[in-house]
Amino acid sequence: MTDSPTDPQPLENPLSPGQDALLGPSDIRELATALGVRPTKQRGQNFVIDANTVRRIIRTADVRPDDVVVEVGPGLGSLTLGLLETAAHVTAVEIDDTLAAALPATVEARLPQRAQNFALVHSDALRVTELPGPAPTTLVANLPYNVAVPVLLHMLEHFPTIERTLVMVQSEVADRLAAAPGSKVYGVPSVKANWYAEVKRAGAIGRNVFWPAPNVDSGLVSLVRREGPPATTATREQVFAVVDAAFAQRRKTLRAALAGWAGSAAAAEAALVAAGVSPQARGESLTVEEFAAIAEHAPAR
């Protein structure tokens, strides 16, 4: 992990008095042109170009004046600037070399009075296990769909001080994260997110607020951290191993799906019965607490 790049590229458009600090469509395109940035599908780069959407995200995230916010994938700084206007401190984690180099200069040009409250970590978010400055209380991010779930779970695991999270993700991913047991889209992301937090859909975002416009709609997902994980003697790793096994063959009954995890179908059935779960049930019907109960009764291997 490295802190702010030492040689950020200068920005030539400081604000005139009274001008909105947030980036509009023309600002985004001018910045991208100046930096030679072309959004790539590989990194899922779709930049928010609508200031009203940025303010809506910040309101929905319930960002407060004393919050320490971590933002993953700040891009050109659309959301970063809005967060800085509200929160006590913002740390942005950016993997892209060019974007990471330019963002501190954008902050300095658009919000010079808040620049001392900003930090940049130039790194892959999946590798970040510590952050400079005060511990984060809030996570707000526009996450690319291809890494949204791993990044979200990684941040919740490694930064237990994060109390509230709001992520903007592909609508389908939002549905999966917020799904309840029994839903057709309830699965691994749903259970693992629920291990950490109370999860709910918090709104929809159309395609026209992005540049370039994606081929799918987006959704907001709110996560409020539980006071602690479900009461269990099993570890998080043990519970997640059961979850992964149950959904690897989601059409099968748990007796069959957990056979590999338990060592045999008979051993899986014994663990399920001991946990009070029907061997004929399927993973999509279980709560995170029930997965934890199964993990507690894992057979000795």
C-alpha atoms as a PDB file:
ATOM      1  CA  MET A   1       0.000   0.000   0.000  1.00  0.00           C
ATOM      2  CA  THR A   2       1.251   3.462  -0.817  1.00  0.00           C
ATOM      3  CA  ASP A   3      -0.126   6.842   0.133  1.00  0.00           C
ATOM      4  CA  SER A   4      -0.830   9.667  -2.254  1.00  0.00           C
ATOM      5  CA  PRO A   5       1.330   9.599  -5.390  1.00  0.00           C
ATOM      6  CA  THR A   6       4.169  12.067  -5.043  1.00  0.00           C
ATOM      7  CA  ASP A   7       3.691  13.690  -8.431  1.00  0.00           C
ATOM      8  CA  PRO A   8      -0.026  14.236  -9.124  1.00  0.00           C
ATOM      9  CA  GLN A   9      -0.856  15.725 -12.463  1.00  0.00           C
ATOM     10  CA  PRO A  10      -1.850  19.417 -12.221  1.00  0.00           C
ATOM     11  CA  LEU A  11      -5.381  20.561 -12.893  1.00  0.00           C
ATOM     12  CA  GLU A  12      -5.822  23.714 -14.915  1.00  0.00           C
ATOM     13  CA  ASN A  13      -9.402  24.627 -13.971  1.00  0.00           C
ATOM     14  CA  PRO A  14      -9.644  26.030 -10.433  1.00  0.00           C
ATOM     15  CA  LEU A  15     -13.143  27.139  -9.482  1.00  0.00           C
ATOM     16  CA  SER A  16     -14.466  30.611  -9.976  1.00  0.00           C
ATOM     17  CA  PRO A  17     -16.313  32.143  -6.991  1.00  0.00           C
ATOM     18  CA  GLY A  18     -19.725  30.554  -6.452  1.00  0.00           C
ATOM     19  CA  GLN A  19     -19.082  27.635  -8.824  1.00  0.00           C
ATOM     20  CA  ASP A  20     -20.275  24.194  -7.709  1.00  0.00           C
ATOM     21  CA  ALA A  21     -17.359  22.100  -6.458  1.00  0.00           C
ATOM     22  CA  LEU A  22     -18.936  18.908  -7.793  1.00  0.00           C
ATOM     23  CA  LEU A  23     -18.085  17.666 -11.263  1.00  0.00           C
ATOM     24  CA  GLY A  24     -20.593  17.978 -14.089  1.00  0.00           C
ATOM     25  CA  PRO A  25     -20.634  16.223 -17.487  1.00  0.00           C
ATOM     26  CA  SER A  26     -18.341  18.753 -19.156  1.00  0.00           C
ATOM     27  CA  ASP A  27     -15.919  18.709 -16.203  1.00  0.00           C
ATOM     28  CA  ILE A  28     -15.699  14.917 -16.358  1.00  0.00           C
ATOM     29  CA  ARG A  29     -15.024  14.869 -20.090  1.00  0.00           C
ATOM     30  CA  GLU A  30     -12.464  17.684 -19.870  1.00  0.00           C
ATOM     31  CA  LEU A  31     -10.629  15.888 -17.072  1.00  0.00           C
ATOM     32  CA  ALA A  32     -10.671  12.594 -18.943  1.00  0.00           C
ATOM     33  CA  THR A  33      -9.368  14.282 -22.097  1.00  0.00           C
ATOM     34  CA  ALA A  34      -6.618  16.108 -20.220  1.00  0.00           C
ATOM     35  CA  LEU A  35      -5.493  12.894 -18.550  1.00  0.00           C
ATOM     36  CA  GLY A  36      -5.849  10.754 -21.664  1.00  0.00           C
ATOM     37  CA  VAL A  37      -8.309   8.539 -19.803  1.00  0.00           C
ATOM     38  CA  ARG A  38     -10.588   6.238 -21.721  1.00  0.00           C
ATOM     39  CA  PRO A  39     -12.939   4.297 -19.424  1.00  0.00           C
ATOM     40  CA  THR A  40     -12.274   0.571 -19.683  1.00  0.00           C
ATOM     41  CA  LYS A  41     -14.726  -2.314 -19.386  1.00  0.00           C
ATOM     42  CA  GLN A  42     -11.954  -4.376 -17.801  1.00  0.00           C
ATOM     43  CA  ARG A  43     -12.077  -2.207 -14.688  1.00  0.00           C
ATOM     44  CA  GLY A  44     -15.778  -1.474 -14.978  1.00  0.00           C
ATOM     45  CA  GLN A  45     -15.171   2.256 -15.221  1.00  0.00           C
ATOM     46  CA  ASN A  46     -18.393   4.246 -15.538  1.00  0.00           C
ATOM     47  CA  PHE A  47     -18.009   7.734 -14.110  1.00  0.00           C
ATOM     48  CA  VAL A  48     -20.921   9.516 -12.429  1.00  0.00           C
ATOM     49  CA  ILE A  49     -21.561  12.800 -14.236  1.00  0.00           C
ATOM     50  CA  ASP A  50     -24.648  14.017 -12.376  1.00  0.00           C
ATOM     51  CA  ALA A  51     -24.153  16.126  -9.234  1.00  0.00           C
ATOM     52  CA  ASN A  52     -27.718  15.518  -8.072  1.00  0.00           C
ATOM     53  CA  THR A  53     -27.073  11.768  -8.089  1.00  0.00           C
ATOM     54  CA  VAL A  54     -23.922  12.312  -6.041  1.00  0.00           C
ATOM     55  CA  ARG A  55     -25.865  14.306  -3.453  1.00  0.00           C
ATOM     56  CA  ARG A  56     -28.599  11.676  -3.399  1.00  0.00           C
ATOM     57  CA  ILE A  57     -26.020   8.954  -2.710  1.00  0.00           C
ATOM     58  CA  ILE A  58     -24.537  10.959   0.155  1.00  0.00           C
ATOM     59  CA  ARG A  59     -27.987  11.592   1.681  1.00  0.00           C
ATOM     60  CA  THR A  60     -28.929   7.932   1.331  1.00  0.00           C
ATOM     61  CA  ALA A  61     -25.621   6.893   2.894  1.00  0.00           C
ATOM     62  CA  ASP A  62     -26.427   9.143   5.862  1.00  0.00           C
ATOM     63  CA  VAL A  63     -22.938  10.640   5.754  1.00  0.00           C
ATOM     64  CA  ARG A  64     -22.474  12.831   8.828  1.00  0.00           C
ATOM     65  CA  PRO A  65     -20.080  15.695   9.639  1.00  0.00           C
ATOM     66  CA  ASP A  66     -18.080  13.507  12.033  1.00  0.00           C
ATOM     67  CA  ASP A  67     -17.810  10.523   9.677  1.00  0.00           C
ATOM     68  CA  VAL A  68     -14.532   9.113   8.398  1.00  0.00           C
ATOM     69  CA  VAL A  69     -15.399   7.791   4.954  1.00  0.00           C
ATOM     70  CA  VAL A  70     -13.499   5.281   2.857  1.00  0.00           C
ATOM     71  CA  GLU A  71     -14.326   5.346  -0.840  1.00  0.00           C
ATOM     72  CA  VAL A  72     -13.284   2.550  -3.188  1.00  0.00           C
ATOM     73  CA  GLY A  73     -12.753   3.366  -6.861  1.00  0.00           C
ATOM     74  CA  PRO A  74     -13.082   7.167  -6.793  1.00  0.00           C
ATOM     75  CA  GLY A  75     -12.256   7.491 -10.485  1.00  0.00           C
ATOM     76  CA  LEU A  76     -12.154  11.152 -11.498  1.00  0.00           C
ATOM     77  CA  GLY A  77     -13.552  12.302  -8.149  1.00  0.00           C
ATOM     78  CA  SER A  78     -17.280  12.829  -8.713  1.00  0.00           C
ATOM     79  CA  LEU A  79     -18.355  11.194  -5.470  1.00  0.00           C
ATOM     80  CA  THR A  80     -15.155  12.079  -3.611  1.00  0.00           C
ATOM     81  CA  LEU A  81     -15.861  15.797  -3.768  1.00  0.00           C
ATOM     82  CA  GLY A  82     -19.400  15.378  -2.492  1.00  0.00           C
ATOM     83  CA  LEU A  83     -18.188  13.231   0.384  1.00  0.00           C
ATOM     84  CA  LEU A  84     -15.535  15.791   1.287  1.00  0.00           C
ATOM     85  CA  GLU A  85     -18.156  18.528   1.466  1.00  0.00           C
ATOM     86  CA  THR A  86     -19.962  16.562   4.194  1.00  0.00           C
ATOM     87  CA  ALA A  87     -17.650  14.186   6.072  1.00  0.00           C
ATOM     88  CA  ALA A  88     -14.828  14.916   8.491  1.00  0.00           C
ATOM     89  CA  HIS A  89     -12.329  12.916   6.439  1.00  0.00           C
ATOM     90  CA  VAL A  90     -12.286  10.913   3.205  1.00  0.00           C
ATOM     91  CA  THR A  91      -9.777   8.261   2.195  1.00  0.00           C
ATOM     92  CA  ALA A  92     -10.039   7.088  -1.413  1.00  0.00           C
ATOM     93  CA  VAL A  93      -8.617   3.766  -2.627  1.00  0.00           C
ATOM     94  CA  GLU A  94      -7.793   3.774  -6.343  1.00  0.00           C
ATOM     95  CA  ILE A  95      -6.002   1.097  -8.359  1.00  0.00           C
ATOM     96  CA  ASP A  96      -5.615   3.000 -11.645  1.00  0.00           C
ATOM     97  CA  ASP A  97      -2.235   4.754 -11.903  1.00  0.00           C
ATOM     98  CA  THR A  98      -3.433   7.773 -13.865  1.00  0.00           C
ATOM     99  CA  LEU A  99      -6.579   8.348 -11.838  1.00  0.00           C
ATOM    100  CA  ALA A 100      -4.723   7.956  -8.542  1.00  0.00           C
ATOM    101  CA  ALA A 101      -2.107  10.476  -9.622  1.00  0.00           C
ATOM    102  CA  ALA A 102      -4.682  13.066 -10.691  1.00  0.00           C
ATOM    103  CA  LEU A 103      -7.225  12.908  -7.869  1.00  0.00           C
ATOM    104  CA  PRO A 104      -5.341  14.895  -5.178  1.00  0.00           C
ATOM    105  CA  ALA A 105      -4.903  17.748  -7.657  1.00  0.00           C
ATOM    106  CA  THR A 106      -8.612  17.687  -8.490  1.00  0.00           C
ATOM    107  CA  VAL A 107      -9.461  17.906  -4.794  1.00  0.00           C
ATOM    108  CA  GLU A 108      -7.011  20.763  -4.316  1.00  0.00           C
ATOM    109  CA  ALA A 109      -8.476  22.673  -7.261  1.00  0.00           C
ATOM    110  CA  ARG A 110     -12.162  22.112  -6.493  1.00  0.00           C
ATOM    111  CA  LEU A 111     -12.188  22.037  -2.676  1.00  0.00           C
ATOM    112  CA  PRO A 112      -8.911  23.595  -1.478  1.00  0.00           C
ATOM    113  CA  GLN A 113     -10.348  24.324   1.969  1.00  0.00           C
ATOM    114  CA  ARG A 114     -11.018  20.593   2.479  1.00  0.00           C
ATOM    115  CA  ALA A 115      -7.887  19.165   0.865  1.00  0.00           C
ATOM    116  CA  GLN A 116      -6.239  18.510   4.247  1.00  0.00           C
ATOM    117  CA  ASN A 117      -9.142  16.180   5.051  1.00  0.00           C
ATOM    118  CA  PHE A 118      -8.413  13.922   2.075  1.00  0.00           C
ATOM    119  CA  ALA A 119      -6.054  10.967   1.697  1.00  0.00           C
ATOM    120  CA  LEU A 120      -5.359   8.769  -1.317  1.00  0.00           C
ATOM    121  CA  VAL A 121      -4.297   5.130  -1.173  1.00  0.00           C
ATOM    122  CA  HIS A 122      -2.983   3.938  -4.529  1.00  0.00           C
ATOM    123  CA  SER A 123      -3.679   0.223  -4.324  1.00  0.00           C
ATOM    124  CA  ASP A 124      -5.963  -2.643  -5.215  1.00  0.00           C
ATOM    125  CA  ALA A 125      -8.789  -2.515  -2.653  1.00  0.00           C
ATOM    126  CA  LEU A 126      -8.654  -6.304  -2.353  1.00  0.00           C
ATOM    127  CA  ARG A 127      -5.115  -5.971  -0.967  1.00  0.00           C
ATOM    128  CA  VAL A 128      -5.765  -3.116   1.443  1.00  0.00           C
ATOM    129  CA  THR A 129      -5.795  -4.160   5.092  1.00  0.00           C
ATOM    130  CA  GLU A 130      -4.990  -0.813   6.715  1.00  0.00           C
ATOM    131  CA  LEU A 131      -5.670   2.823   5.950  1.00  0.00           C
ATOM    132  CA  PRO A 132      -3.869   6.044   6.881  1.00  0.00           C
ATOM    133  CA  GLY A 133      -5.433   8.396   9.399  1.00  0.00           C
ATOM    134  CA  PRO A 134      -8.466   7.787  11.592  1.00  0.00           C
ATOM    135  CA  ALA A 135     -10.366   4.497  11.397  1.00  0.00           C
ATOM    136  CA  PRO A 136     -13.206   4.567   8.854  1.00  0.00           C
ATOM    137  CA  THR A 137     -16.791   4.704  10.083  1.00  0.00           C
ATOM    138  CA  THR A 138     -18.492   4.643   6.684  1.00  0.00           C
ATOM    139  CA  LEU A 139     -17.909   3.015   3.301  1.00  0.00           C
ATOM    140  CA  VAL A 140     -19.396   4.671   0.215  1.00  0.00           C
ATOM    141  CA  ALA A 141     -18.476   3.447  -3.247  1.00  0.00           C
ATOM    142  CA  ASN A 142     -19.491   3.070  -6.867  1.00  0.00           C
ATOM    143  CA  LEU A 143     -18.218  -0.475  -7.344  1.00  0.00           C
ATOM    144  CA  PRO A 144     -17.548  -2.123 -10.711  1.00  0.00           C
ATOM    145  CA  TYR A 145     -19.820  -5.132 -11.085  1.00  0.00           C
ATOM    146  CA  ASN A 146     -17.014  -7.616 -11.708  1.00  0.00           C
ATOM    147  CA  VAL A 147     -15.409  -7.096  -8.284  1.00  0.00           C
ATOM    148  CA  ALA A 148     -18.266  -5.566  -6.295  1.00  0.00           C
ATOM    149  CA  VAL A 149     -18.994  -8.487  -3.961  1.00  0.00           C
ATOM    150  CA  PRO A 150     -15.359  -9.471  -3.203  1.00  0.00           C
ATOM    151  CA  VAL A 151     -14.409  -5.836  -2.524  1.00  0.00           C
ATOM    152  CA  LEU A 152     -17.417  -5.239  -0.291  1.00  0.00           C
ATOM    153  CA  LEU A 153     -16.825  -8.383   1.776  1.00  0.00           C
ATOM    154  CA  HIS A 154     -13.094  -7.670   2.018  1.00  0.00           C
ATOM    155  CA  MET A 155     -13.682  -4.175   3.361  1.00  0.00           C
ATOM    156  CA  LEU A 156     -16.266  -5.341   5.898  1.00  0.00           C
ATOM    157  CA  GLU A 157     -13.923  -8.083   7.092  1.00  0.00           C
ATOM    158  CA  HIS A 158     -10.794  -5.979   7.472  1.00  0.00           C
ATOM    159  CA  PHE A 159     -12.329  -2.742   8.739  1.00  0.00           C
ATOM    160  CA  PRO A 160     -14.702  -3.617  11.589  1.00  0.00           C
ATOM    161  CA  THR A 161     -15.073   0.070  12.501  1.00  0.00           C
ATOM    162  CA  ILE A 162     -17.175   0.607   9.353  1.00  0.00           C
ATOM    163  CA  GLU A 163     -20.667   0.995  10.779  1.00  0.00           C
ATOM    164  CA  ARG A 164     -22.598   2.049   7.669  1.00  0.00           C
ATOM    165  CA  THR A 165     -22.071   1.203   4.029  1.00  0.00           C
ATOM    166  CA  LEU A 166     -23.740   2.342   0.836  1.00  0.00           C
ATOM    167  CA  VAL A 167     -22.567   0.840  -2.443  1.00  0.00           C
ATOM    168  CA  MET A 168     -23.759   1.470  -5.962  1.00  0.00           C
ATOM    169  CA  VAL A 169     -23.587  -1.738  -7.980  1.00  0.00           C
ATOM    170  CA  GLN A 170     -25.169  -3.377 -10.997  1.00  0.00           C
ATOM    171  CA  SER A 171     -28.890  -3.819 -10.296  1.00  0.00           C
ATOM    172  CA  GLU A 172     -28.632  -7.600 -10.472  1.00  0.00           C
ATOM    173  CA  VAL A 173     -25.823  -7.582  -7.892  1.00  0.00           C
ATOM    174  CA  ALA A 174     -27.877  -5.284  -5.663  1.00  0.00           C
ATOM    175  CA  ASP A 175     -30.757  -7.768  -5.810  1.00  0.00           C
ATOM    176  CA  ARG A 176     -28.463 -10.633  -4.813  1.00  0.00           C
ATOM    177  CA  LEU A 177     -26.878  -8.778  -1.924  1.00  0.00           C
ATOM    178  CA  ALA A 178     -30.215  -7.729  -0.455  1.00  0.00           C
ATOM    179  CA  ALA A 179     -32.123 -10.971  -1.134  1.00  0.00           C
ATOM    180  CA  ALA A 180     -33.868 -12.767   1.720  1.00  0.00           C
ATOM    181  CA  PRO A 181     -33.985 -16.547   2.259  1.00  0.00           C
ATOM    182  CA  GLY A 182     -36.395 -18.171  -0.153  1.00  0.00           C
ATOM    183  CA  SER A 183     -35.715 -15.709  -2.971  1.00  0.00           C
ATOM    184  CA  LYS A 184     -34.573 -17.092  -6.310  1.00  0.00           C
ATOM    185  CA  VAL A 185     -31.542 -14.788  -6.236  1.00  0.00           C
ATOM    186  CA  TYR A 186     -30.620 -15.519  -2.606  1.00  0.00           C
ATOM    187  CA  GLY A 187     -27.136 -16.997  -2.565  1.00  0.00           C
ATOM    188  CA  VAL A 188     -23.551 -16.694  -1.389  1.00  0.00           C
ATOM    189  CA  PRO A 189     -23.383 -12.857  -1.551  1.00  0.00           C
ATOM    190  CA  SER A 190     -26.668 -12.564   0.358  1.00  0.00           C
ATOM    191  CA  VAL A 191     -25.585 -14.823   3.218  1.00  0.00           C
ATOM    192  CA  LYS A 192     -22.046 -13.480   3.550  1.00  0.00           C
ATOM    193  CA  ALA A 193     -23.167  -9.839   3.498  1.00  0.00           C
ATOM    194  CA  ASN A 194     -25.774 -10.684   6.136  1.00  0.00           C
ATOM    195  CA  TRP A 195     -23.060 -12.171   8.348  1.00  0.00           C
ATOM    196  CA  TYR A 196     -21.722  -8.637   8.769  1.00  0.00           C
ATOM    197  CA  ALA A 197     -24.733  -6.402   8.397  1.00  0.00           C
ATOM    198  CA  GLU A 198     -28.429  -5.783   7.954  1.00  0.00           C
ATOM    199  CA  VAL A 199     -28.754  -5.413   4.189  1.00  0.00           C
ATOM    200  CA  LYS A 200     -31.438  -3.725   2.091  1.00  0.00           C
ATOM    201  CA  ARG A 201     -31.983  -2.173  -1.321  1.00  0.00           C
ATOM    202  CA  ALA A 202     -31.828   1.604  -1.011  1.00  0.00           C
ATOM    203  CA  GLY A 203     -32.861   2.780  -4.476  1.00  0.00           C
ATOM    204  CA  ALA A 204     -32.322   2.487  -8.201  1.00  0.00           C
ATOM    205  CA  ILE A 205     -29.957   4.472 -10.420  1.00  0.00           C
ATOM    206  CA  GLY A 206     -30.567   4.955 -14.138  1.00  0.00           C
ATOM    207  CA  ARG A 207     -27.977   4.634 -16.870  1.00  0.00           C
ATOM    208  CA  ASN A 208     -27.919   8.256 -18.014  1.00  0.00           C
ATOM    209  CA  VAL A 209     -26.056   9.538 -14.944  1.00  0.00           C
ATOM    210  CA  PHE A 210     -22.896   7.734 -16.037  1.00  0.00           C
ATOM    211  CA  TRP A 211     -20.274   8.286 -18.689  1.00  0.00           C
ATOM    212  CA  PRO A 212     -20.040   6.102 -20.593  1.00  0.00           C
ATOM    213  CA  ALA A 213     -23.606   4.898 -20.046  1.00  0.00           C
ATOM    214  CA  PRO A 214     -23.542   1.223 -18.996  1.00  0.00           C
ATOM    215  CA  ASN A 215     -25.738  -1.418 -20.602  1.00  0.00           C
ATOM    216  CA  VAL A 216     -27.438  -2.175 -17.283  1.00  0.00           C
ATOM    217  CA  ASP A 217     -29.182  -0.264 -14.536  1.00  0.00           C
ATOM    218  CA  SER A 218     -27.581   0.200 -11.135  1.00  0.00           C
ATOM    219  CA  GLY A 219     -28.876  -0.122  -7.596  1.00  0.00           C
ATOM    220  CA  LEU A 220     -27.980   1.239  -4.187  1.00  0.00           C
ATOM    221  CA  VAL A 221     -27.450  -1.216  -1.327  1.00  0.00           C
ATOM    222  CA  SER A 222     -27.374  -0.126   2.299  1.00  0.00           C
ATOM    223  CA  LEU A 223     -25.568  -2.197   4.935  1.00  0.00           C
ATOM    224  CA  VAL A 224     -25.711  -1.380   8.640  1.00  0.00           C
ATOM    225  CA  ARG A 225     -23.232  -3.459  10.607  1.00  0.00           C
ATOM    226  CA  ARG A 226     -24.577  -5.838  13.203  1.00  0.00           C
ATOM    227  CA  GLU A 227     -23.388  -5.374  16.780  1.00  0.00           C
ATOM    228  CA  GLY A 228     -21.598  -8.660  16.205  1.00  0.00           C
ATOM    229  CA  PRO A 229     -21.812 -11.709  13.941  1.00  0.00           C
ATOM    230  CA  PRO A 230     -24.476 -14.330  14.668  1.00  0.00           C
ATOM    231  CA  ALA A 231     -23.915 -16.034  18.009  1.00  0.00           C
ATOM    232  CA  THR A 232     -21.988 -19.201  17.184  1.00  0.00           C
ATOM    233  CA  THR A 233     -18.989 -21.200  18.252  1.00  0.00           C
ATOM    234  CA  ALA A 234     -18.001 -21.626  14.599  1.00  0.00           C
ATOM    235  CA  THR A 235     -15.555 -19.229  12.983  1.00  0.00           C
ATOM    236  CA  ARG A 236     -16.437 -17.016  10.034  1.00  0.00           C
ATOM    237  CA  GLU A 237     -14.264 -19.195   7.804  1.00  0.00           C
ATOM    238  CA  GLN A 238     -16.089 -22.336   8.931  1.00  0.00           C
ATOM    239  CA  VAL A 239     -19.507 -20.794   8.319  1.00  0.00           C
ATOM    240  CA  PHE A 240     -18.515 -19.451   4.921  1.00  0.00           C
ATOM    241  CA  ALA A 241     -17.200 -22.903   3.925  1.00  0.00           C
ATOM    242  CA  VAL A 242     -20.670 -24.332   4.530  1.00  0.00           C
ATOM    243  CA  VAL A 243     -22.258 -21.493   2.559  1.00  0.00           C
ATOM    244  CA  ASP A 244     -19.923 -22.022  -0.395  1.00  0.00           C
ATOM    245  CA  ALA A 245     -20.597 -25.768  -0.417  1.00  0.00           C
ATOM    246  CA  ALA A 246     -24.369 -25.358  -0.139  1.00  0.00           C
ATOM    247  CA  PHE A 247     -24.616 -23.049  -3.134  1.00  0.00           C
ATOM    248  CA  ALA A 248     -22.020 -24.755  -5.309  1.00  0.00           C
ATOM    249  CA  GLN A 249     -24.779 -27.207  -6.215  1.00  0.00           C
ATOM    250  CA  ARG A 250     -27.819 -25.161  -5.313  1.00  0.00           C
ATOM    251  CA  ARG A 251     -30.332 -27.434  -7.033  1.00  0.00           C
ATOM    252  CA  LYS A 252     -29.366 -30.324  -4.798  1.00  0.00           C
ATOM    253  CA  THR A 253     -30.657 -30.954  -1.303  1.00  0.00           C
ATOM    254  CA  LEU A 254     -28.291 -30.003   1.483  1.00  0.00           C
ATOM    255  CA  ARG A 255     -27.686 -33.675   2.218  1.00  0.00           C
ATOM    256  CA  ALA A 256     -26.191 -34.048  -1.255  1.00  0.00           C
ATOM    257  CA  ALA A 257     -24.685 -30.563  -1.626  1.00  0.00           C
ATOM    258  CA  LEU A 258     -22.774 -30.810   1.670  1.00  0.00           C
ATOM    259  CA  ALA A 259     -21.509 -34.354   1.115  1.00  0.00           C
ATOM    260  CA  GLY A 260     -18.106 -33.156  -0.026  1.00  0.00           C
ATOM    261  CA  TRP A 261     -17.832 -30.689   2.859  1.00  0.00           C
ATOM    262  CA  ALA A 262     -18.819 -33.311   5.439  1.00  0.00           C
ATOM    263  CA  GLY A 263     -16.987 -36.267   3.888  1.00  0.00           C
ATOM    264  CA  SER A 264     -20.115 -38.185   2.901  1.00  0.00           C
ATOM    265  CA  ALA A 265     -23.839 -37.689   2.447  1.00  0.00           C
ATOM    266  CA  ALA A 266     -24.483 -39.595   5.660  1.00  0.00           C
ATOM    267  CA  ALA A 267     -22.125 -37.315   7.598  1.00  0.00           C
ATOM    268  CA  ALA A 268     -23.793 -34.265   6.050  1.00  0.00           C
ATOM    269  CA  GLU A 269     -27.201 -35.565   7.126  1.00  0.00           C
ATOM    270  CA  ALA A 270     -25.983 -36.100  10.669  1.00  0.00           C
ATOM    271  CA  ALA A 271     -24.640 -32.546  10.869  1.00  0.00           C
ATOM    272  CA  LEU A 272     -27.872 -31.132   9.454  1.00  0.00           C
ATOM    273  CA  VAL A 273     -30.076 -33.060  11.860  1.00  0.00           C
ATOM    274  CA  ALA A 274     -27.895 -31.990  14.792  1.00  0.00           C
ATOM    275  CA  ALA A 275     -28.255 -28.382  13.650  1.00  0.00           C
ATOM    276  CA  GLY A 276     -32.034 -28.674  13.400  1.00  0.00           C
ATOM    277  CA  VAL A 277     -32.046 -28.289   9.611  1.00  0.00           C
ATOM    278  CA  SER A 278     -33.886 -30.666   7.277  1.00  0.00           C
ATOM    279  CA  PRO A 279     -31.486 -32.703   5.118  1.00  0.00           C
ATOM    280  CA  GLN A 280     -33.974 -32.221   2.270  1.00  0.00           C
ATOM    281  CA  ALA A 281     -33.806 -28.427   2.456  1.00  0.00           C
ATOM    282  CA  ARG A 282     -31.806 -26.360  -0.026  1.00  0.00           C
ATOM    283  CA  GLY A 283     -29.328 -23.619   0.704  1.00  0.00           C
ATOM    284  CA  GLU A 284     -31.577 -20.876  -0.632  1.00  0.00           C
ATOM    285  CA  SER A 285     -34.024 -21.436   2.250  1.00  0.00           C
ATOM    286  CA  LEU A 286     -31.524 -21.051   5.125  1.00  0.00           C
ATOM    287  CA  THR A 287     -30.694 -18.008   7.217  1.00  0.00           C
ATOM    288  CA  VAL A 288     -27.119 -17.108   8.103  1.00  0.00           C
ATOM    289  CA  GLU A 289     -27.847 -18.336  11.644  1.00  0.00           C
ATOM    290  CA  GLU A 290     -28.815 -21.761  10.284  1.00  0.00           C
ATOM    291  CA  PHE A 291     -25.607 -21.961   8.251  1.00  0.00           C
ATOM    292  CA  ALA A 292     -23.710 -21.135  11.439  1.00  0.00           C
ATOM    293  CA  ALA A 293     -25.524 -23.931  13.295  1.00  0.00           C
ATOM    294  CA  ILE A 294     -24.516 -26.421  10.598  1.00  0.00           C
ATOM    295  CA  ALA A 295     -20.893 -25.273  10.820  1.00  0.00           C
ATOM    296  CA  GLU A 296     -20.957 -25.883  14.572  1.00  0.00           C
ATOM    297  CA  HIS A 297     -21.783 -29.521  13.919  1.00  0.00           C
ATOM    298  CA  ALA A 298     -19.121 -30.138  11.277  1.00  0.00           C
ATOM    299  CA  PRO A 299     -17.897 -33.723  11.492  1.00  0.00           C
ATOM    300  CA  ALA A 300     -14.363 -34.316  12.719  1.00  0.00           C
ATOM    301  CA  ARG A 301     -12.095 -34.855   9.711  1.00  0.00           C
END
